[in-house]
């Protein structure tokens, strides 16, 4: 993987971390369920970013780790949807 590709992932993580910190700031007065939703969404996005990075790495043994990361992402998204439906 080229060195410039690493900067893209670092930039994506930095952007989503900034959004996460803003979301934490705006949800501090709300009930804790909203904080749980923000935490689940942030974890899902970060896991997805690193799973894609690992999957497209040039080593063959990293493909399985990337696929497991995407499965973890889907599991977190399912829990996120359940939490949102619970609040509705």
C-alpha atoms as a PDB file:
ATOM      1  CA  UNK A   1       0.000   0.000   0.000  1.00  0.00           C
ATOM      2  CA  UNK A   2       1.345   3.405  -0.885  1.00  0.00           C
ATOM      3  CA  UNK A   3       2.287   5.848   1.826  1.00  0.00           C
ATOM      4  CA  UNK A   4      -0.263   8.418   0.629  1.00  0.00           C
ATOM      5  CA  UNK A   5      -3.116   5.973   1.244  1.00  0.00           C
ATOM      6  CA  UNK A   6      -2.308   5.960   4.959  1.00  0.00           C
ATOM      7  CA  UNK A   7      -2.923   9.702   5.114  1.00  0.00           C
ATOM      8  CA  UNK A   8      -6.438   9.227   3.729  1.00  0.00           C
ATOM      9  CA  UNK A   9      -7.310   6.860   6.571  1.00  0.00           C
ATOM     10  CA  UNK A  10      -5.756   9.152   9.160  1.00  0.00           C
ATOM     11  CA  UNK A  11      -7.769  12.060   7.742  1.00  0.00           C
ATOM     12  CA  UNK A  12     -10.998  10.036   7.831  1.00  0.00           C
ATOM     13  CA  UNK A  13     -10.412   9.024  11.449  1.00  0.00           C
ATOM     14  CA  UNK A  14      -9.624  12.625  12.390  1.00  0.00           C
ATOM     15  CA  UNK A  15     -12.810  13.906  10.718  1.00  0.00           C
ATOM     16  CA  UNK A  16     -15.042  11.336  12.379  1.00  0.00           C
ATOM     17  CA  UNK A  17     -13.347  11.894  15.739  1.00  0.00           C
ATOM     18  CA  UNK A  18     -14.130  15.597  15.449  1.00  0.00           C
ATOM     19  CA  UNK A  19     -17.751  14.808  14.625  1.00  0.00           C
ATOM     20  CA  UNK A  20     -17.827  12.400  17.578  1.00  0.00           C
ATOM     21  CA  UNK A  21     -16.548  15.045  19.992  1.00  0.00           C
ATOM     22  CA  UNK A  22     -19.162  17.522  18.706  1.00  0.00           C
ATOM     23  CA  UNK A  23     -21.876  14.898  19.117  1.00  0.00           C
ATOM     24  CA  UNK A  24     -20.725  14.231  22.671  1.00  0.00           C
ATOM     25  CA  UNK A  25     -20.908  17.949  23.383  1.00  0.00           C
ATOM     26  CA  UNK A  26     -24.467  18.228  22.056  1.00  0.00           C
ATOM     27  CA  UNK A  27     -25.762  15.060  23.756  1.00  0.00           C
ATOM     28  CA  UNK A  28     -24.431  15.736  27.247  1.00  0.00           C
ATOM     29  CA  UNK A  29     -27.775  17.173  28.404  1.00  0.00           C
ATOM     30  CA  UNK A  30     -29.818  14.336  26.864  1.00  0.00           C
ATOM     31  CA  UNK A  31     -30.508  10.923  28.446  1.00  0.00           C
ATOM     32  CA  UNK A  32     -27.732   8.333  28.409  1.00  0.00           C
ATOM     33  CA  UNK A  33     -29.374   6.334  25.594  1.00  0.00           C
ATOM     34  CA  UNK A  34     -28.402   9.048  23.122  1.00  0.00           C
ATOM     35  CA  UNK A  35     -24.810   8.865  24.324  1.00  0.00           C
ATOM     36  CA  UNK A  36     -24.915   5.111  23.726  1.00  0.00           C
ATOM     37  CA  UNK A  37     -26.126   5.703  20.170  1.00  0.00           C
ATOM     38  CA  UNK A  38     -23.298   8.166  19.543  1.00  0.00           C
ATOM     39  CA  UNK A  39     -20.729   5.731  20.944  1.00  0.00           C
ATOM     40  CA  UNK A  40     -22.050   2.830  18.859  1.00  0.00           C
ATOM     41  CA  UNK A  41     -22.049   4.917  15.686  1.00  0.00           C
ATOM     42  CA  UNK A  42     -18.493   6.130  16.289  1.00  0.00           C
ATOM     43  CA  UNK A  43     -17.224   2.625  17.006  1.00  0.00           C
ATOM     44  CA  UNK A  44     -18.915   1.278  13.891  1.00  0.00           C
ATOM     45  CA  UNK A  45     -17.422   3.945  11.639  1.00  0.00           C
ATOM     46  CA  UNK A  46     -13.884   3.588  13.025  1.00  0.00           C
ATOM     47  CA  UNK A  47     -14.029  -0.218  12.771  1.00  0.00           C
ATOM     48  CA  UNK A  48     -15.249   0.052   9.184  1.00  0.00           C
ATOM     49  CA  UNK A  49     -12.439   2.450   8.221  1.00  0.00           C
ATOM     50  CA  UNK A  50      -9.729   0.214   9.649  1.00  0.00           C
ATOM     51  CA  UNK A  51     -11.341  -2.947   8.265  1.00  0.00           C
ATOM     52  CA  UNK A  52     -11.260  -1.508   4.769  1.00  0.00           C
ATOM     53  CA  UNK A  53      -7.647  -0.452   5.283  1.00  0.00           C
ATOM     54  CA  UNK A  54      -6.658  -3.928   6.477  1.00  0.00           C
ATOM     55  CA  UNK A  55      -8.658  -5.679   3.747  1.00  0.00           C
ATOM     56  CA  UNK A  56      -6.991  -3.761   0.931  1.00  0.00           C
ATOM     57  CA  UNK A  57      -3.528  -4.251   2.368  1.00  0.00           C
ATOM     58  CA  UNK A  58      -1.259  -6.335   0.145  1.00  0.00           C
ATOM     59  CA  UNK A  59      -0.847  -9.242   2.554  1.00  0.00           C
ATOM     60  CA  UNK A  60      -3.072 -12.280   1.961  1.00  0.00           C
ATOM     61  CA  UNK A  61      -3.645 -13.143   5.619  1.00  0.00           C
ATOM     62  CA  UNK A  62      -5.190  -9.731   6.287  1.00  0.00           C
ATOM     63  CA  UNK A  63      -8.251 -10.436   4.124  1.00  0.00           C
ATOM     64  CA  UNK A  64      -9.899 -12.520   6.855  1.00  0.00           C
ATOM     65  CA  UNK A  65      -9.229  -9.860   9.481  1.00  0.00           C
ATOM     66  CA  UNK A  66     -10.800  -7.241   7.202  1.00  0.00           C
ATOM     67  CA  UNK A  67     -13.867  -9.417   6.632  1.00  0.00           C
ATOM     68  CA  UNK A  68     -14.220  -9.983  10.387  1.00  0.00           C
ATOM     69  CA  UNK A  69     -13.997  -6.233  10.893  1.00  0.00           C
ATOM     70  CA  UNK A  70     -16.803  -5.639   8.407  1.00  0.00           C
ATOM     71  CA  UNK A  71     -18.904  -8.273  10.217  1.00  0.00           C
ATOM     72  CA  UNK A  72     -18.231  -6.438  13.489  1.00  0.00           C
ATOM     73  CA  UNK A  73     -19.315  -3.220  11.784  1.00  0.00           C
ATOM     74  CA  UNK A  74     -22.589  -4.850  10.699  1.00  0.00           C
ATOM     75  CA  UNK A  75     -23.160  -6.165  14.232  1.00  0.00           C
ATOM     76  CA  UNK A  76     -22.694  -2.670  15.647  1.00  0.00           C
ATOM     77  CA  UNK A  77     -25.063  -1.212  13.053  1.00  0.00           C
ATOM     78  CA  UNK A  78     -27.718  -3.793  13.973  1.00  0.00           C
ATOM     79  CA  UNK A  79     -27.351  -2.855  17.646  1.00  0.00           C
ATOM     80  CA  UNK A  80     -27.512   0.820  16.719  1.00  0.00           C
ATOM     81  CA  UNK A  81     -30.763   0.332  14.806  1.00  0.00           C
ATOM     82  CA  UNK A  82     -32.204  -1.655  17.719  1.00  0.00           C
ATOM     83  CA  UNK A  83     -31.285   1.128  20.126  1.00  0.00           C
ATOM     84  CA  UNK A  84     -32.862   3.783  17.898  1.00  0.00           C
ATOM     85  CA  UNK A  85     -36.036   1.712  17.528  1.00  0.00           C
ATOM     86  CA  UNK A  86     -36.120   1.248  21.300  1.00  0.00           C
ATOM     87  CA  UNK A  87     -36.109   5.016  21.789  1.00  0.00           C
ATOM     88  CA  UNK A  88     -38.825   5.653  19.194  1.00  0.00           C
END
